[in-house]
């Protein structure tokens, strides 16, 4: 397990984990960008509130992608059943 320093809103955070450093840096940059998006729309918001709003935005994005993934998986499974039925005699 290694320690990696990342910066979010100019604050240094030391992250410990098994993931490659590049991955952790990308995730930190993503979070930083999401918080900055909140600041772009509401520049006077407190840092904690901006972080919570960014977390909600990220959770919403994840939830929508999971629903989309489930729909795609269900569609593939339905198509697979139809196609495999064509080969059964």
N, C-alpha and C. Protein backbone atom coordinates (compact mmCIF):
# COMPACT_ATOMS: atom_id res chain seq x y z
N UNK A 1 0.85 -1.17 0.00
CA UNK A 1 0.00 0.00 0.00
C UNK A 1 0.90 1.24 0.00
N UNK A 2 0.62 2.14 -0.92
CA UNK A 2 1.46 3.33 -1.02
C UNK A 2 0.67 4.58 -0.65
N UNK A 3 1.39 5.65 -0.36
CA UNK A 3 0.79 6.94 -0.04
C UNK A 3 1.03 7.89 -1.20
N UNK A 4 -0.04 8.59 -1.58
CA UNK A 4 0.04 9.52 -2.70
C UNK A 4 -0.57 10.85 -2.27
N UNK A 5 0.13 11.94 -2.54
CA UNK A 5 -0.39 13.26 -2.24
C UNK A 5 -1.21 13.76 -3.42
N UNK A 6 -2.42 14.22 -3.12
CA UNK A 6 -3.28 14.82 -4.14
C UNK A 6 -3.74 16.18 -3.63
N UNK A 7 -4.18 17.02 -4.54
CA UNK A 7 -4.66 18.35 -4.17
C UNK A 7 -6.09 18.53 -4.67
N UNK A 8 -6.94 18.92 -3.75
CA UNK A 8 -8.33 19.22 -4.07
C UNK A 8 -8.63 20.59 -3.48
N UNK A 9 -9.01 21.52 -4.35
CA UNK A 9 -9.24 22.93 -3.97
C UNK A 9 -8.01 23.51 -3.27
N UNK A 10 -6.85 23.12 -3.74
CA UNK A 10 -5.61 23.65 -3.19
C UNK A 10 -5.19 23.02 -1.87
N UNK A 11 -6.00 22.14 -1.34
CA UNK A 11 -5.68 21.44 -0.09
C UNK A 11 -4.97 20.13 -0.41
N UNK A 12 -3.93 19.85 0.33
CA UNK A 12 -3.18 18.60 0.13
C UNK A 12 -3.83 17.49 0.95
N UNK A 13 -4.04 16.34 0.31
CA UNK A 13 -4.56 15.15 0.97
C UNK A 13 -3.63 14.00 0.65
N UNK A 14 -3.30 13.21 1.66
CA UNK A 14 -2.48 12.02 1.45
C UNK A 14 -3.42 10.82 1.41
N UNK A 15 -3.39 10.16 0.28
CA UNK A 15 -4.26 9.01 0.05
C UNK A 15 -3.43 7.73 0.10
N UNK A 16 -3.89 6.77 0.88
CA UNK A 16 -3.22 5.47 0.95
C UNK A 16 -4.09 4.47 0.22
N UNK A 17 -3.46 3.69 -0.65
CA UNK A 17 -4.23 2.68 -1.37
C UNK A 17 -3.36 1.81 -2.25
N UNK A 18 -4.01 0.80 -2.81
CA UNK A 18 -3.32 -0.16 -3.68
C UNK A 18 -3.43 0.22 -5.15
N UNK A 19 -4.30 1.16 -5.47
CA UNK A 19 -4.49 1.56 -6.87
C UNK A 19 -3.24 2.27 -7.37
N UNK A 20 -3.00 2.21 -8.67
CA UNK A 20 -1.86 2.93 -9.24
C UNK A 20 -1.98 4.43 -8.99
N UNK A 21 -0.82 5.08 -8.84
CA UNK A 21 -0.81 6.52 -8.55
C UNK A 21 -1.58 7.31 -9.61
N UNK A 22 -1.41 6.95 -10.87
CA UNK A 22 -2.09 7.66 -11.95
C UNK A 22 -3.61 7.62 -11.77
N UNK A 23 -4.13 6.48 -11.35
CA UNK A 23 -5.58 6.33 -11.14
C UNK A 23 -6.04 7.24 -9.99
N UNK A 24 -5.32 7.22 -8.90
CA UNK A 24 -5.70 8.05 -7.75
C UNK A 24 -5.64 9.53 -8.12
N UNK A 25 -4.61 9.93 -8.88
CA UNK A 25 -4.50 11.32 -9.32
C UNK A 25 -5.69 11.70 -10.21
N UNK A 26 -6.10 10.80 -11.10
CA UNK A 26 -7.24 11.07 -11.98
C UNK A 26 -8.53 11.23 -11.19
N UNK A 27 -8.72 10.37 -10.20
CA UNK A 27 -9.92 10.44 -9.37
C UNK A 27 -9.93 11.75 -8.59
N UNK A 28 -8.79 12.12 -8.02
CA UNK A 28 -8.71 13.38 -7.27
C UNK A 28 -8.97 14.57 -8.18
N UNK A 29 -8.44 14.53 -9.39
CA UNK A 29 -8.67 15.62 -10.35
C UNK A 29 -10.15 15.69 -10.73
N UNK A 30 -10.78 14.55 -10.85
CA UNK A 30 -12.21 14.49 -11.16
C UNK A 30 -13.03 15.14 -10.05
N UNK A 31 -12.73 14.77 -8.81
CA UNK A 31 -13.44 15.35 -7.65
C UNK A 31 -13.18 16.85 -7.58
N UNK A 32 -11.95 17.25 -7.79
CA UNK A 32 -11.59 18.67 -7.77
C UNK A 32 -12.40 19.43 -8.83
N UNK A 33 -12.50 18.87 -10.01
CA UNK A 33 -13.24 19.51 -11.10
C UNK A 33 -14.73 19.62 -10.77
N UNK A 34 -15.28 18.58 -10.16
CA UNK A 34 -16.70 18.60 -9.79
C UNK A 34 -16.98 19.68 -8.74
N UNK A 35 -16.09 19.82 -7.78
CA UNK A 35 -16.27 20.85 -6.76
C UNK A 35 -16.15 22.24 -7.41
N UNK A 36 -15.20 22.38 -8.31
CA UNK A 36 -15.04 23.67 -9.00
C UNK A 36 -16.26 24.00 -9.86
N UNK A 37 -16.93 22.99 -10.42
CA UNK A 37 -18.17 23.22 -11.16
C UNK A 37 -19.22 23.86 -10.25
N UNK A 38 -19.29 23.35 -9.02
CA UNK A 38 -20.24 23.92 -8.05
C UNK A 38 -19.88 25.37 -7.78
N UNK A 39 -18.59 25.64 -7.59
CA UNK A 39 -18.15 27.02 -7.34
C UNK A 39 -18.43 27.93 -8.53
N UNK A 40 -18.37 27.40 -9.74
CA UNK A 40 -18.67 28.22 -10.92
C UNK A 40 -20.13 28.67 -10.94
N UNK A 41 -21.02 27.84 -10.41
CA UNK A 41 -22.44 28.21 -10.39
C UNK A 41 -22.82 28.95 -9.12
N UNK A 42 -22.09 28.73 -8.03
CA UNK A 42 -22.39 29.39 -6.75
C UNK A 42 -21.07 29.75 -6.07
N UNK A 43 -20.42 30.84 -6.49
CA UNK A 43 -19.08 31.16 -5.99
C UNK A 43 -18.98 31.47 -4.50
N UNK A 44 -20.08 31.81 -3.85
CA UNK A 44 -20.02 32.17 -2.43
C UNK A 44 -20.37 31.01 -1.49
N UNK A 45 -20.55 29.83 -2.05
CA UNK A 45 -20.92 28.68 -1.23
C UNK A 45 -19.72 28.25 -0.37
N UNK A 46 -20.00 27.77 0.82
CA UNK A 46 -18.95 27.29 1.73
C UNK A 46 -18.32 26.01 1.18
N UNK A 47 -17.03 25.80 1.45
CA UNK A 47 -16.35 24.60 0.92
C UNK A 47 -17.05 23.28 1.27
N UNK A 48 -17.52 23.16 2.51
CA UNK A 48 -18.20 21.91 2.89
C UNK A 48 -19.46 21.72 2.06
N UNK A 49 -20.25 22.77 1.90
CA UNK A 49 -21.47 22.66 1.12
C UNK A 49 -21.14 22.37 -0.35
N UNK A 50 -20.10 23.00 -0.89
CA UNK A 50 -19.68 22.73 -2.27
C UNK A 50 -19.28 21.26 -2.43
N UNK A 51 -18.59 20.73 -1.43
CA UNK A 51 -18.17 19.32 -1.48
C UNK A 51 -19.36 18.38 -1.44
N UNK A 52 -20.35 18.71 -0.60
CA UNK A 52 -21.55 17.87 -0.51
C UNK A 52 -22.34 17.94 -1.81
N UNK A 53 -22.48 19.14 -2.37
CA UNK A 53 -23.19 19.28 -3.65
C UNK A 53 -22.46 18.53 -4.76
N UNK A 54 -21.15 18.59 -4.77
CA UNK A 54 -20.36 17.85 -5.76
C UNK A 54 -20.55 16.35 -5.57
N UNK A 55 -20.57 15.90 -4.32
CA UNK A 55 -20.78 14.48 -4.04
C UNK A 55 -22.15 14.04 -4.54
N UNK A 56 -23.16 14.88 -4.35
CA UNK A 56 -24.50 14.56 -4.85
C UNK A 56 -24.52 14.49 -6.37
N UNK A 57 -23.81 15.41 -7.02
CA UNK A 57 -23.72 15.39 -8.48
C UNK A 57 -23.04 14.11 -8.97
N UNK A 58 -21.96 13.72 -8.30
CA UNK A 58 -21.25 12.50 -8.67
C UNK A 58 -22.13 11.28 -8.43
N UNK A 59 -22.84 11.25 -7.31
CA UNK A 59 -23.74 10.12 -7.01
C UNK A 59 -24.86 10.03 -8.04
N UNK A 60 -25.39 11.17 -8.46
CA UNK A 60 -26.44 11.19 -9.48
C UNK A 60 -25.90 10.64 -10.80
N UNK A 61 -24.71 11.07 -11.17
CA UNK A 61 -24.09 10.58 -12.41
C UNK A 61 -23.88 9.07 -12.35
N UNK A 62 -23.38 8.58 -11.23
CA UNK A 62 -23.16 7.15 -11.05
C UNK A 62 -24.47 6.39 -11.13
N UNK A 63 -25.49 6.90 -10.46
CA UNK A 63 -26.80 6.23 -10.44
C UNK A 63 -27.38 6.14 -11.85
N UNK A 64 -27.30 7.25 -12.61
CA UNK A 64 -27.82 7.25 -13.98
C UNK A 64 -27.04 6.26 -14.85
N UNK A 65 -25.73 6.20 -14.67
CA UNK A 65 -24.92 5.26 -15.46
C UNK A 65 -25.24 3.81 -15.11
N UNK A 66 -25.52 3.54 -13.83
CA UNK A 66 -25.89 2.18 -13.42
C UNK A 66 -27.21 1.77 -14.05
N UNK A 67 -28.17 2.70 -14.07
CA UNK A 67 -29.46 2.40 -14.70
C UNK A 67 -29.26 2.13 -16.19
N UNK A 68 -28.46 2.96 -16.84
CA UNK A 68 -28.17 2.78 -18.26
C UNK A 68 -27.48 1.43 -18.50
N UNK A 69 -26.52 1.09 -17.65
CA UNK A 69 -25.82 -0.19 -17.77
C UNK A 69 -26.80 -1.35 -17.60
N UNK A 70 -27.68 -1.27 -16.62
CA UNK A 70 -28.68 -2.32 -16.41
C UNK A 70 -29.59 -2.47 -17.63
N UNK A 71 -30.00 -1.35 -18.21
CA UNK A 71 -30.86 -1.40 -19.39
C UNK A 71 -30.13 -2.04 -20.57
N UNK A 72 -28.88 -1.69 -20.76
CA UNK A 72 -28.09 -2.28 -21.84
C UNK A 72 -27.91 -3.77 -21.62
N UNK A 73 -27.59 -4.15 -20.40
CA UNK A 73 -27.42 -5.58 -20.08
C UNK A 73 -28.71 -6.35 -20.33
N UNK A 74 -29.84 -5.78 -19.89
CA UNK A 74 -31.14 -6.44 -20.10
C UNK A 74 -31.43 -6.58 -21.61
N UNK A 75 -31.13 -5.55 -22.38
CA UNK A 75 -31.35 -5.59 -23.83
C UNK A 75 -30.48 -6.67 -24.48
N UNK A 76 -29.23 -6.75 -24.06
CA UNK A 76 -28.32 -7.78 -24.61
C UNK A 76 -28.83 -9.17 -24.26
N UNK A 77 -29.28 -9.36 -23.03
CA UNK A 77 -29.79 -10.67 -22.61
C UNK A 77 -31.03 -11.06 -23.42
N UNK A 78 -31.93 -10.09 -23.66
CA UNK A 78 -33.12 -10.37 -24.46
C UNK A 78 -32.74 -10.73 -25.89
N UNK A 79 -31.80 -9.99 -26.48
CA UNK A 79 -31.36 -10.27 -27.84
C UNK A 79 -30.66 -11.62 -27.92
N UNK A 80 -29.89 -11.95 -26.90
CA UNK A 80 -29.18 -13.24 -26.87
C UNK A 80 -30.19 -14.39 -26.87
N UNK A 81 -31.26 -14.25 -26.09
CA UNK A 81 -32.30 -15.30 -26.05
C UNK A 81 -32.95 -15.46 -27.42
N UNK A 82 -33.26 -14.34 -28.06
CA UNK A 82 -33.87 -14.39 -29.39
C UNK A 82 -32.93 -15.07 -30.37
N UNK A 83 -31.68 -14.64 -30.38
CA UNK A 83 -30.72 -15.23 -31.33
C UNK A 83 -30.44 -16.70 -31.04
N UNK A 84 -30.35 -17.06 -29.78
CA UNK A 84 -30.08 -18.47 -29.47
C UNK A 84 -31.30 -19.31 -29.82
N UNK A 85 -32.49 -18.74 -29.78
CA UNK A 85 -33.69 -19.46 -30.19
C UNK A 85 -33.70 -19.78 -31.68
N UNK A 86 -33.03 -18.95 -32.46
CA UNK A 86 -32.96 -19.21 -33.91
C UNK A 86 -32.11 -20.43 -34.24
N UNK A 87 -31.18 -20.76 -33.34
CA UNK A 87 -30.28 -21.89 -33.60
C UNK A 87 -30.81 -23.20 -33.03
N UNK A 88 -31.84 -23.13 -32.21
CA UNK A 88 -32.40 -24.35 -31.63
C UNK A 88 -33.37 -24.96 -32.63
N UNK A 89 -33.24 -26.26 -32.80
CA UNK A 89 -34.14 -26.94 -33.73
C UNK A 89 -34.79 -28.12 -33.08
